[in-house]
Amino acid sequence: MAELYRTVVMGASAGGMSALATILARLPKDFPASVVIVQHVKEEGTDGYRAVFLGKRCPLPVKEAIDKEPLKRGIVYLAPAGYHLLVEETGTLSLSVDPPVNFSRPSIDVLFESAATVFGERLIGVILTGANSDGSHGIRKIKEYGGYTMVQAPSEAEVPAMPLAAMESADIDAVLTLAEIGGFLTGIGDHPIPEAPAMPHQTTTI
């Protein structure tokens, strides 16, 4: 039996909470993959607000990741404020207080690169709205390891710098609106390697 996608990693910064809520609200209760998210937040933390906010909008359980926690399908994990979030070869999550990457901790690049080496072609990477280039290196690594890559359409993003940087860094598989990303992810359990819809955004020049 062909393998399905195992994990979806998402990165977001400025404007990301609204974008994430739009996508997560589309996911079905029987979503067949895990979802791991880095959203840039201030290091002092948010007292669990993000998990509560997104959990009210997403049919799946949403929680902050815990060090050495096994990654499970059908759960949404958020990187805690002030910690890099990585995926270990054992399929567990790991937290790190190593120095910031791209001025960010948590860093999207750190999560994406670690997940790419573990899941390879079974990984989907998504870059959303944001004001810097974090995630551009990581999305390239996902592409190099055979994973599927997508970004939010810059024309729709609240802050388009991060999707644009990702598009400059790698040959992105799909450039989609938030609604289209949610619809695409909803269908990943239907067949092993879903084809991205042909969207006009994909031919937009920068």
N, C-alpha and C. Protein backbone atom coordinates (compact mmCIF):
# COMPACT_ATOMS: atom_id res chain seq x y z
N MET A 1 0.85 -1.20 0.00
CA MET A 1 0.00 0.00 0.00
C MET A 1 0.88 1.25 0.00
N ALA A 2 0.58 2.20 -0.87
CA ALA A 2 1.36 3.43 -0.95
C ALA A 2 1.19 4.24 0.33
N GLU A 3 2.27 4.92 0.72
CA GLU A 3 2.24 5.73 1.94
C GLU A 3 1.53 7.04 1.69
N LEU A 4 0.81 7.51 2.68
CA LEU A 4 0.18 8.81 2.63
C LEU A 4 1.11 9.83 3.26
N TYR A 5 0.78 11.10 3.08
CA TYR A 5 1.54 12.12 3.78
C TYR A 5 1.42 11.90 5.28
N ARG A 6 2.53 12.07 5.98
CA ARG A 6 2.59 11.79 7.41
C ARG A 6 2.41 13.04 8.26
N THR A 7 2.96 14.16 7.79
CA THR A 7 2.97 15.37 8.60
C THR A 7 2.86 16.61 7.71
N VAL A 8 2.21 17.64 8.24
CA VAL A 8 2.16 18.96 7.61
C VAL A 8 2.85 19.94 8.55
N VAL A 9 3.85 20.67 8.04
CA VAL A 9 4.48 21.71 8.84
C VAL A 9 4.09 23.06 8.25
N MET A 10 3.79 24.00 9.12
CA MET A 10 3.37 25.34 8.69
C MET A 10 4.20 26.38 9.41
N GLY A 11 4.50 27.46 8.68
CA GLY A 11 5.21 28.58 9.27
C GLY A 11 4.47 29.87 8.99
N ALA A 12 4.36 30.71 10.02
CA ALA A 12 3.65 31.98 9.87
C ALA A 12 4.27 33.02 10.80
N SER A 13 4.08 34.28 10.44
CA SER A 13 4.56 35.36 11.28
C SER A 13 3.46 36.42 11.36
N ALA A 14 3.75 37.64 10.95
CA ALA A 14 2.76 38.71 11.06
C ALA A 14 1.49 38.36 10.29
N GLY A 15 0.36 38.46 10.96
CA GLY A 15 -0.92 38.10 10.35
C GLY A 15 -1.22 36.62 10.38
N GLY A 16 -0.35 35.85 11.01
CA GLY A 16 -0.46 34.39 10.94
C GLY A 16 -1.61 33.76 11.69
N MET A 17 -2.03 34.35 12.79
CA MET A 17 -3.09 33.71 13.57
C MET A 17 -4.37 33.60 12.77
N SER A 18 -4.74 34.67 12.09
CA SER A 18 -5.95 34.64 11.27
C SER A 18 -5.80 33.66 10.12
N ALA A 19 -4.62 33.66 9.50
CA ALA A 19 -4.38 32.74 8.39
C ALA A 19 -4.46 31.29 8.84
N LEU A 20 -3.82 30.98 9.96
CA LEU A 20 -3.85 29.62 10.48
C LEU A 20 -5.28 29.19 10.83
N ALA A 21 -6.03 30.09 11.44
CA ALA A 21 -7.41 29.77 11.82
C ALA A 21 -8.24 29.42 10.59
N THR A 22 -8.04 30.14 9.50
CA THR A 22 -8.79 29.89 8.26
C THR A 22 -8.49 28.50 7.72
N ILE A 23 -7.21 28.12 7.73
CA ILE A 23 -6.82 26.80 7.21
C ILE A 23 -7.28 25.68 8.14
N LEU A 24 -6.99 25.81 9.42
CA LEU A 24 -7.29 24.73 10.37
C LEU A 24 -8.78 24.46 10.47
N ALA A 25 -9.59 25.49 10.27
CA ALA A 25 -11.04 25.30 10.35
C ALA A 25 -11.55 24.36 9.27
N ARG A 26 -10.79 24.18 8.18
CA ARG A 26 -11.22 23.33 7.08
C ARG A 26 -10.87 21.86 7.29
N LEU A 27 -10.00 21.56 8.22
CA LEU A 27 -9.52 20.19 8.37
C LEU A 27 -10.60 19.29 8.99
N PRO A 28 -10.74 18.07 8.49
CA PRO A 28 -11.75 17.15 9.04
C PRO A 28 -11.30 16.52 10.36
N LYS A 29 -12.25 16.01 11.12
CA LYS A 29 -11.93 15.38 12.40
C LYS A 29 -11.07 14.15 12.24
N ASP A 30 -11.15 13.50 11.08
CA ASP A 30 -10.33 12.30 10.83
C ASP A 30 -9.10 12.62 9.98
N PHE A 31 -8.56 13.81 10.11
CA PHE A 31 -7.39 14.21 9.33
C PHE A 31 -6.27 13.19 9.54
N PRO A 32 -5.67 12.67 8.46
CA PRO A 32 -4.77 11.52 8.58
C PRO A 32 -3.32 11.86 8.86
N ALA A 33 -3.00 13.11 9.13
CA ALA A 33 -1.61 13.50 9.37
C ALA A 33 -1.53 14.37 10.62
N SER A 34 -0.32 14.54 11.14
CA SER A 34 -0.10 15.50 12.22
C SER A 34 0.20 16.86 11.60
N VAL A 35 -0.04 17.91 12.37
CA VAL A 35 0.22 19.28 11.92
C VAL A 35 1.12 19.93 12.97
N VAL A 36 2.25 20.48 12.51
CA VAL A 36 3.21 21.11 13.42
C VAL A 36 3.44 22.54 12.94
N ILE A 37 3.28 23.50 13.84
CA ILE A 37 3.25 24.92 13.45
C ILE A 37 4.27 25.73 14.23
N VAL A 38 5.01 26.56 13.51
CA VAL A 38 5.78 27.64 14.13
C VAL A 38 5.12 28.96 13.75
N GLN A 39 4.67 29.67 14.76
CA GLN A 39 4.12 31.02 14.62
C GLN A 39 5.03 31.93 15.44
N HIS A 40 5.62 32.92 14.82
CA HIS A 40 6.49 33.83 15.55
C HIS A 40 5.71 34.56 16.64
N VAL A 41 6.19 34.43 17.87
CA VAL A 41 5.56 35.10 19.01
C VAL A 41 6.65 35.69 19.90
N LYS A 42 6.28 36.61 20.74
CA LYS A 42 7.23 37.18 21.68
C LYS A 42 7.68 36.11 22.67
N GLU A 43 8.94 36.20 23.08
CA GLU A 43 9.53 35.14 23.90
C GLU A 43 8.87 35.00 25.26
N GLU A 44 8.24 36.07 25.76
CA GLU A 44 7.62 35.95 27.08
C GLU A 44 6.37 35.09 27.08
N GLY A 45 5.92 34.68 25.89
CA GLY A 45 4.82 33.72 25.84
C GLY A 45 3.45 34.36 25.76
N THR A 46 2.44 33.49 25.64
CA THR A 46 1.08 33.97 25.44
C THR A 46 0.08 33.28 26.37
N ASP A 47 0.60 32.59 27.39
CA ASP A 47 -0.27 31.93 28.37
C ASP A 47 -1.28 30.97 27.73
N GLY A 48 -0.86 30.30 26.68
CA GLY A 48 -1.72 29.30 26.05
C GLY A 48 -2.82 29.86 25.19
N TYR A 49 -2.81 31.18 24.97
CA TYR A 49 -3.90 31.80 24.22
C TYR A 49 -4.00 31.24 22.81
N ARG A 50 -2.87 31.03 22.15
CA ARG A 50 -2.90 30.60 20.76
C ARG A 50 -3.58 29.24 20.61
N ALA A 51 -3.26 28.31 21.51
CA ALA A 51 -3.87 26.98 21.44
C ALA A 51 -5.38 27.07 21.68
N VAL A 52 -5.79 27.92 22.59
CA VAL A 52 -7.22 28.09 22.86
C VAL A 52 -7.91 28.73 21.66
N PHE A 53 -7.30 29.78 21.12
CA PHE A 53 -7.88 30.50 19.98
C PHE A 53 -8.06 29.58 18.78
N LEU A 54 -7.00 28.86 18.42
CA LEU A 54 -7.07 27.98 17.26
C LEU A 54 -7.91 26.74 17.55
N GLY A 55 -7.87 26.27 18.79
CA GLY A 55 -8.64 25.08 19.16
C GLY A 55 -10.14 25.29 19.04
N LYS A 56 -10.59 26.52 19.23
CA LYS A 56 -12.01 26.82 19.10
C LYS A 56 -12.46 26.82 17.64
N ARG A 57 -11.51 26.90 16.74
CA ARG A 57 -11.83 27.00 15.32
C ARG A 57 -11.47 25.73 14.54
N CYS A 58 -10.69 24.87 15.13
CA CYS A 58 -10.21 23.67 14.46
C CYS A 58 -10.88 22.43 15.03
N PRO A 59 -11.35 21.51 14.19
CA PRO A 59 -11.98 20.27 14.68
C PRO A 59 -10.99 19.34 15.38
N LEU A 60 -9.69 19.55 15.17
CA LEU A 60 -8.67 18.69 15.77
C LEU A 60 -8.20 19.27 17.10
N PRO A 61 -7.64 18.45 17.99
CA PRO A 61 -7.02 18.97 19.21
C PRO A 61 -5.83 19.86 18.86
N VAL A 62 -5.71 21.00 19.53
CA VAL A 62 -4.61 21.93 19.32
C VAL A 62 -3.90 22.12 20.65
N LYS A 63 -2.56 21.95 20.67
CA LYS A 63 -1.82 22.04 21.93
C LYS A 63 -0.42 22.56 21.68
N GLU A 64 0.19 23.12 22.71
CA GLU A 64 1.60 23.45 22.63
C GLU A 64 2.43 22.18 22.75
N ALA A 65 3.48 22.09 21.95
CA ALA A 65 4.32 20.90 21.95
C ALA A 65 5.09 20.78 23.27
N ILE A 66 5.34 19.54 23.66
CA ILE A 66 6.10 19.21 24.86
C ILE A 66 7.36 18.46 24.44
N ASP A 67 8.46 18.74 25.09
CA ASP A 67 9.72 18.09 24.75
C ASP A 67 9.60 16.57 24.89
N LYS A 68 10.10 15.85 23.88
CA LYS A 68 10.12 14.37 23.81
C LYS A 68 8.72 13.77 23.65
N GLU A 69 7.77 14.57 23.22
CA GLU A 69 6.40 14.09 23.00
C GLU A 69 6.32 13.36 21.65
N PRO A 70 5.73 12.16 21.62
CA PRO A 70 5.56 11.46 20.34
C PRO A 70 4.61 12.22 19.43
N LEU A 71 4.98 12.32 18.17
CA LEU A 71 4.14 12.99 17.17
C LEU A 71 3.01 12.05 16.76
N LYS A 72 1.77 12.51 16.86
CA LYS A 72 0.61 11.67 16.56
C LYS A 72 -0.24 12.30 15.48
N ARG A 73 -0.81 11.44 14.66
CA ARG A 73 -1.72 11.91 13.61
C ARG A 73 -2.97 12.54 14.22
N GLY A 74 -3.52 13.52 13.51
CA GLY A 74 -4.77 14.11 13.96
C GLY A 74 -4.65 15.10 15.09
N ILE A 75 -3.44 15.57 15.37
CA ILE A 75 -3.21 16.56 16.43
C ILE A 75 -2.42 17.73 15.84
N VAL A 76 -2.75 18.94 16.28
CA VAL A 76 -2.05 20.15 15.87
C VAL A 76 -1.12 20.58 17.00
N TYR A 77 0.17 20.70 16.71
CA TYR A 77 1.17 21.07 17.70
C TYR A 77 1.70 22.47 17.39
N LEU A 78 1.81 23.30 18.43
CA LEU A 78 2.35 24.65 18.29
C LEU A 78 3.70 24.75 18.99
N ALA A 79 4.65 25.41 18.36
CA ALA A 79 5.93 25.67 19.02
C ALA A 79 5.72 26.65 20.17
N PRO A 80 6.16 26.31 21.39
CA PRO A 80 6.02 27.26 22.50
C PRO A 80 6.88 28.50 22.29
N ALA A 81 6.48 29.61 22.85
CA ALA A 81 7.25 30.84 22.76
C ALA A 81 8.63 30.63 23.37
N GLY A 82 9.66 31.11 22.67
CA GLY A 82 11.00 31.06 23.21
C GLY A 82 11.75 29.77 22.96
N TYR A 83 11.15 28.80 22.24
CA TYR A 83 11.80 27.52 21.98
C TYR A 83 11.74 27.18 20.50
N HIS A 84 12.88 26.70 19.96
CA HIS A 84 12.83 26.06 18.65
C HIS A 84 12.11 24.72 18.80
N LEU A 85 11.38 24.34 17.78
CA LEU A 85 10.68 23.06 17.77
C LEU A 85 11.24 22.22 16.62
N LEU A 86 11.69 21.00 16.94
CA LEU A 86 12.28 20.11 15.95
C LEU A 86 11.58 18.76 15.98
N VAL A 87 11.72 18.01 14.88
CA VAL A 87 11.26 16.63 14.82
C VAL A 87 12.49 15.73 14.86
N GLU A 88 12.52 14.79 15.79
CA GLU A 88 13.65 13.86 15.92
C GLU A 88 13.45 12.65 15.01
N GLU A 89 14.53 11.92 14.75
CA GLU A 89 14.47 10.73 13.90
C GLU A 89 13.51 9.68 14.45
N THR A 90 13.29 9.69 15.75
CA THR A 90 12.39 8.74 16.39
C THR A 90 10.92 9.10 16.21
N GLY A 91 10.64 10.25 15.58
CA GLY A 91 9.26 10.68 15.42
C GLY A 91 8.73 11.43 16.63
N THR A 92 9.62 11.85 17.52
CA THR A 92 9.21 12.64 18.67
C THR A 92 9.56 14.11 18.42
N LEU A 93 8.92 14.98 19.19
CA LEU A 93 9.19 16.41 19.11
C LEU A 93 10.26 16.79 20.13
N SER A 94 11.04 17.78 19.79
CA SER A 94 12.12 18.22 20.66
C SER A 94 12.11 19.74 20.74
N LEU A 95 12.33 20.27 21.94
CA LEU A 95 12.42 21.71 22.15
C LEU A 95 13.87 22.11 22.41
N SER A 96 14.24 23.27 21.90
CA SER A 96 15.63 23.73 22.02
C SER A 96 15.65 25.21 22.32
N VAL A 97 16.64 25.62 23.13
CA VAL A 97 16.87 27.04 23.41
C VAL A 97 18.16 27.50 22.74
N ASP A 98 18.53 26.85 21.65
CA ASP A 98 19.66 27.32 20.85
C ASP A 98 19.40 28.75 20.38
N PRO A 99 20.44 29.47 19.97
CA PRO A 99 20.27 30.88 19.56
C PRO A 99 19.23 31.04 18.45
N PRO A 100 18.61 32.21 18.36
CA PRO A 100 17.63 32.47 17.31
C PRO A 100 18.22 32.26 15.91
N VAL A 101 17.37 31.85 15.00
CA VAL A 101 17.72 31.69 13.59
C VAL A 101 16.85 32.68 12.82
N ASN A 102 17.46 33.48 11.95
CA ASN A 102 16.72 34.55 11.28
C ASN A 102 16.03 35.46 12.28
N PHE A 103 16.73 35.71 13.39
CA PHE A 103 16.22 36.57 14.47
C PHE A 103 14.97 35.99 15.13
N SER A 104 14.74 34.71 14.97
CA SER A 104 13.50 34.11 15.47
C SER A 104 13.78 32.87 16.31
N ARG A 105 13.09 32.77 17.42
CA ARG A 105 13.04 31.53 18.22
C ARG A 105 11.66 31.46 18.85
N PRO A 106 10.78 30.63 18.31
CA PRO A 106 11.03 29.52 17.38
C PRO A 106 11.28 29.99 15.95
N SER A 107 12.04 29.17 15.22
CA SER A 107 12.34 29.44 13.83
C SER A 107 11.64 28.43 12.93
N ILE A 108 11.06 28.94 11.86
CA ILE A 108 10.41 28.07 10.87
C ILE A 108 11.45 27.19 10.19
N ASP A 109 12.60 27.77 9.84
CA ASP A 109 13.66 27.00 9.18
C ASP A 109 14.07 25.78 10.00
N VAL A 110 14.22 25.96 11.29
CA VAL A 110 14.65 24.85 12.16
C VAL A 110 13.64 23.71 12.12
N LEU A 111 12.37 24.02 12.25
CA LEU A 111 11.34 22.98 12.19
C LEU A 111 11.32 22.31 10.82
N PHE A 112 11.28 23.11 9.76
CA PHE A 112 11.13 22.55 8.41
C PHE A 112 12.30 21.64 8.05
N GLU A 113 13.52 22.07 8.35
CA GLU A 113 14.67 21.26 7.96
C GLU A 113 14.69 19.94 8.73
N SER A 114 14.39 19.98 10.03
CA SER A 114 14.39 18.74 10.81
C SER A 114 13.30 17.80 10.32
N ALA A 115 12.12 18.32 10.01
CA ALA A 115 11.02 17.48 9.54
C ALA A 115 11.33 16.89 8.17
N ALA A 116 12.01 17.67 7.32
CA ALA A 116 12.35 17.19 5.98
C ALA A 116 13.24 15.97 6.05
N THR A 117 14.22 15.97 6.94
CA THR A 117 15.14 14.84 7.04
C THR A 117 14.46 13.60 7.59
N VAL A 118 13.41 13.77 8.37
CA VAL A 118 12.72 12.62 8.97
C VAL A 118 11.65 12.06 8.03
N PHE A 119 10.85 12.91 7.40
CA PHE A 119 9.68 12.44 6.65
C PHE A 119 9.86 12.43 5.13
N GLY A 120 10.83 13.18 4.61
CA GLY A 120 11.09 13.16 3.18
C GLY A 120 9.85 13.46 2.36
N GLU A 121 9.51 12.54 1.43
CA GLU A 121 8.39 12.77 0.51
C GLU A 121 7.04 12.67 1.20
N ARG A 122 7.01 12.27 2.45
CA ARG A 122 5.74 12.18 3.17
C ARG A 122 5.40 13.48 3.90
N LEU A 123 6.13 14.55 3.62
CA LEU A 123 5.95 15.82 4.31
C LEU A 123 5.38 16.88 3.39
N ILE A 124 4.49 17.70 3.94
CA ILE A 124 3.98 18.89 3.25
C ILE A 124 4.43 20.11 4.04
N GLY A 125 5.01 21.09 3.35
CA GLY A 125 5.44 22.33 4.00
C GLY A 125 4.64 23.51 3.48
N VAL A 126 4.20 24.38 4.40
CA VAL A 126 3.35 25.52 4.04
C VAL A 126 3.92 26.79 4.66
N ILE A 127 4.16 27.80 3.83
CA ILE A 127 4.60 29.11 4.30
C ILE A 127 3.45 30.10 4.14
N LEU A 128 3.16 30.81 5.23
CA LEU A 128 2.07 31.77 5.24
C LEU A 128 2.60 33.19 5.43
N THR A 129 1.72 34.12 5.61
CA THR A 129 2.03 35.53 5.76
C THR A 129 3.13 35.79 6.79
N GLY A 130 3.98 36.78 6.50
CA GLY A 130 5.05 37.12 7.43
C GLY A 130 5.95 38.18 6.86
N ALA A 131 6.73 38.86 7.76
CA ALA A 131 7.48 40.03 7.35
C ALA A 131 8.97 39.78 7.13
N ASN A 132 9.45 38.52 7.28
CA ASN A 132 10.87 38.28 7.06
C ASN A 132 11.06 37.09 6.13
N SER A 133 12.27 36.53 6.10
CA SER A 133 12.56 35.42 5.18
C SER A 133 12.63 34.08 5.88
N ASP A 134 12.27 34.02 7.16
CA ASP A 134 12.31 32.74 7.87
C ASP A 134 11.42 31.73 7.15
N GLY A 135 11.93 30.53 6.97
CA GLY A 135 11.18 29.49 6.27
C GLY A 135 11.66 29.26 4.85
N SER A 136 12.37 30.24 4.27
CA SER A 136 12.81 30.09 2.88
C SER A 136 13.86 28.99 2.73
N HIS A 137 14.75 28.88 3.70
CA HIS A 137 15.74 27.80 3.68
C HIS A 137 15.07 26.45 3.95
N GLY A 138 14.18 26.44 4.94
CA GLY A 138 13.51 25.19 5.31
C GLY A 138 12.63 24.65 4.21
N ILE A 139 11.92 25.52 3.50
CA ILE A 139 11.03 25.05 2.43
C ILE A 139 11.86 24.48 1.28
N ARG A 140 13.06 25.04 1.08
CA ARG A 140 13.94 24.48 0.05
C ARG A 140 14.40 23.08 0.44
N LYS A 141 14.68 22.87 1.72
CA LYS A 141 15.08 21.55 2.19
C LYS A 141 13.96 20.54 2.02
N ILE A 142 12.73 20.94 2.30
CA ILE A 142 11.60 20.04 2.09
C ILE A 142 11.51 19.63 0.63
N LYS A 143 11.69 20.59 -0.26
CA LYS A 143 11.67 20.30 -1.69
C LYS A 143 12.80 19.34 -2.07
N GLU A 144 13.99 19.56 -1.54
CA GLU A 144 15.15 18.72 -1.85
C GLU A 144 14.94 17.28 -1.38
N TYR A 145 14.23 17.11 -0.27
CA TYR A 145 13.99 15.77 0.27
C TYR A 145 12.74 15.12 -0.31
N GLY A 146 12.12 15.76 -1.29
CA GLY A 146 10.99 15.16 -1.98
C GLY A 146 9.63 15.49 -1.44
N GLY A 147 9.56 16.39 -0.45
CA GLY A 147 8.27 16.77 0.11
C GLY A 147 7.51 17.72 -0.79
N TYR A 148 6.26 17.99 -0.43
CA TYR A 148 5.38 18.87 -1.22
C TYR A 148 5.39 20.25 -0.58
N THR A 149 5.54 21.30 -1.38
CA THR A 149 5.69 22.65 -0.86
C THR A 149 4.60 23.57 -1.39
N MET A 150 4.13 24.44 -0.52
CA MET A 150 3.14 25.43 -0.95
C MET A 150 3.29 26.70 -0.12
N VAL A 151 2.85 27.81 -0.70
CA VAL A 151 2.86 29.09 0.00
C VAL A 151 1.52 29.78 -0.21
N GLN A 152 1.21 30.65 0.73
CA GLN A 152 0.02 31.50 0.59
C GLN A 152 0.26 32.48 -0.55
N ALA A 153 -0.74 32.71 -1.38
CA ALA A 153 -0.63 33.67 -2.49
C ALA A 153 -0.22 35.03 -1.93
N PRO A 154 0.91 35.60 -2.37
CA PRO A 154 1.35 36.90 -1.85
C PRO A 154 0.29 37.99 -1.98
N SER A 155 -0.50 37.93 -3.03
CA SER A 155 -1.53 38.95 -3.22
C SER A 155 -2.58 38.93 -2.13
N GLU A 156 -2.72 37.79 -1.44
CA GLU A 156 -3.70 37.66 -0.37
C GLU A 156 -3.09 37.85 1.01
N ALA A 157 -1.80 37.60 1.14
CA ALA A 157 -1.14 37.62 2.44
C ALA A 157 -1.18 39.00 3.07
N GLU A 158 -1.42 39.05 4.37
CA GLU A 158 -1.41 40.33 5.08
C GLU A 158 -0.04 40.99 4.95
N VAL A 159 1.01 40.19 5.06
CA VAL A 159 2.39 40.65 4.84
C VAL A 159 3.04 39.65 3.89
N PRO A 160 3.32 40.01 2.65
CA PRO A 160 3.74 39.03 1.64
C PRO A 160 5.21 38.66 1.63
N ALA A 161 6.05 39.28 2.49
CA ALA A 161 7.49 39.08 2.40
C ALA A 161 7.89 37.61 2.55
N MET A 162 7.28 36.91 3.47
CA MET A 162 7.69 35.52 3.74
C MET A 162 7.31 34.58 2.59
N PRO A 163 6.08 34.62 2.07
CA PRO A 163 5.79 33.81 0.89
C PRO A 163 6.67 34.15 -0.31
N LEU A 164 6.96 35.43 -0.52
CA LEU A 164 7.80 35.83 -1.64
C LEU A 164 9.22 35.29 -1.49
N ALA A 165 9.76 35.35 -0.26
CA ALA A 165 11.10 34.82 -0.02
C ALA A 165 11.15 33.32 -0.27
N ALA A 166 10.10 32.61 0.13
CA ALA A 166 10.05 31.17 -0.12
C ALA A 166 10.01 30.87 -1.61
N MET A 167 9.25 31.65 -2.36
CA MET A 167 9.14 31.45 -3.81
C MET A 167 10.46 31.74 -4.52
N GLU A 168 11.25 32.66 -3.99
CA GLU A 168 12.55 32.95 -4.56
C GLU A 168 13.57 31.87 -4.22
N SER A 169 13.36 31.19 -3.09
CA SER A 169 14.32 30.19 -2.61
C SER A 169 14.14 28.83 -3.25
N ALA A 170 12.91 28.47 -3.61
CA ALA A 170 12.64 27.11 -4.09
C ALA A 170 11.58 27.12 -5.17
N ASP A 171 11.55 26.05 -5.95
CA ASP A 171 10.52 25.86 -6.97
C ASP A 171 9.27 25.32 -6.29
N ILE A 172 8.46 26.23 -5.77
CA ILE A 172 7.30 25.87 -4.96
C ILE A 172 6.27 25.12 -5.81
N ASP A 173 5.69 24.07 -5.23
CA ASP A 173 4.72 23.25 -5.97
C ASP A 173 3.39 23.96 -6.19
N ALA A 174 2.94 24.77 -5.23
CA ALA A 174 1.63 25.41 -5.35
C ALA A 174 1.61 26.72 -4.59
N VAL A 175 1.04 27.74 -5.23
CA VAL A 175 0.83 29.05 -4.61
C VAL A 175 -0.68 29.27 -4.55
N LEU A 176 -1.23 29.23 -3.35
CA LEU A 176 -2.68 29.13 -3.19
C LEU A 176 -3.21 30.13 -2.18
N THR A 177 -4.50 30.43 -2.27
CA THR A 177 -5.15 31.21 -1.23
C THR A 177 -5.33 30.35 0.00
N LEU A 178 -5.68 30.97 1.11
CA LEU A 178 -5.90 30.22 2.35
C LEU A 178 -7.01 29.18 2.18
N ALA A 179 -8.09 29.57 1.51
CA ALA A 179 -9.19 28.63 1.30
C ALA A 179 -8.73 27.45 0.45
N GLU A 180 -7.90 27.71 -0.54
CA GLU A 180 -7.40 26.65 -1.40
C GLU A 180 -6.43 25.73 -0.66
N ILE A 181 -5.60 26.32 0.21
CA ILE A 181 -4.70 25.49 1.01
C ILE A 181 -5.52 24.57 1.91
N GLY A 182 -6.54 25.12 2.57
CA GLY A 182 -7.38 24.29 3.43
C GLY A 182 -8.06 23.18 2.65
N GLY A 183 -8.57 23.50 1.46
CA GLY A 183 -9.21 22.48 0.64
C GLY A 183 -8.24 21.41 0.18
N PHE A 184 -7.02 21.81 -0.18
CA PHE A 184 -6.01 20.85 -0.59
C PHE A 184 -5.68 19.89 0.55
N LEU A 185 -5.44 20.43 1.74
CA LEU A 185 -5.09 19.58 2.87
C LEU A 185 -6.23 18.64 3.25
N THR A 186 -7.45 19.11 3.11
CA THR A 186 -8.61 18.27 3.43
C THR A 186 -8.61 16.99 2.62
N GLY A 187 -8.07 17.03 1.39
CA GLY A 187 -8.12 15.87 0.52
C GLY A 187 -6.90 14.99 0.54
N ILE A 188 -5.93 15.22 1.45
CA ILE A 188 -4.68 14.44 1.35
C ILE A 188 -4.86 12.97 1.73
N GLY A 189 -5.93 12.65 2.41
CA GLY A 189 -6.15 11.25 2.75
C GLY A 189 -6.83 10.44 1.66
N ASP A 190 -7.25 11.10 0.59
CA ASP A 190 -8.00 10.40 -0.46
C ASP A 190 -7.11 9.57 -1.37
N HIS A 191 -5.88 10.01 -1.56
CA HIS A 191 -4.94 9.26 -2.39
C HIS A 191 -3.52 9.64 -1.99
N PRO A 192 -2.55 8.79 -2.28
CA PRO A 192 -1.21 8.98 -1.74
C PRO A 192 -0.53 10.29 -2.12
N ILE A 193 -0.59 10.69 -3.38
CA ILE A 193 0.12 11.89 -3.80
C ILE A 193 -0.87 12.80 -4.53
N PRO A 194 -1.59 13.64 -3.79
CA PRO A 194 -2.59 14.50 -4.44
C PRO A 194 -1.94 15.52 -5.35
N GLU A 195 -2.60 15.82 -6.43
CA GLU A 195 -2.11 16.83 -7.36
C GLU A 195 -2.67 18.18 -6.95
N ALA A 196 -1.81 19.19 -6.95
CA ALA A 196 -2.28 20.54 -6.64
C ALA A 196 -3.17 21.04 -7.76
N PRO A 197 -4.25 21.73 -7.44
CA PRO A 197 -5.09 22.29 -8.50
C PRO A 197 -4.33 23.34 -9.29
N ALA A 198 -4.65 23.47 -10.56
CA ALA A 198 -4.02 24.49 -11.39
C ALA A 198 -4.66 25.83 -11.09
N MET A 199 -3.95 26.67 -10.39
CA MET A 199 -4.50 27.94 -9.96
C MET A 199 -3.81 29.09 -10.69
N PRO A 200 -4.52 30.16 -10.96
CA PRO A 200 -3.90 31.29 -11.64
C PRO A 200 -2.76 31.90 -10.86
N HIS A 201 -2.80 31.74 -9.50
CA HIS A 201 -1.75 32.31 -8.66
C HIS A 201 -0.39 31.74 -9.00
N GLN A 202 -0.37 30.51 -9.50
CA GLN A 202 0.90 29.84 -9.76
C GLN A 202 1.65 30.49 -10.93
N THR A 203 0.97 31.20 -11.76
CA THR A 203 1.63 31.82 -12.91
C THR A 203 1.87 33.31 -12.70
N THR A 204 1.54 33.79 -11.50
CA THR A 204 1.74 35.21 -11.21
C THR A 204 3.22 35.53 -11.16
N THR A 205 3.64 36.57 -11.82
CA THR A 205 5.05 36.98 -11.78
C THR A 205 5.25 37.93 -10.62
N ILE A 206 6.48 37.93 -10.11
CA ILE A 206 6.80 38.77 -8.96
C ILE A 206 7.60 39.98 -9.42
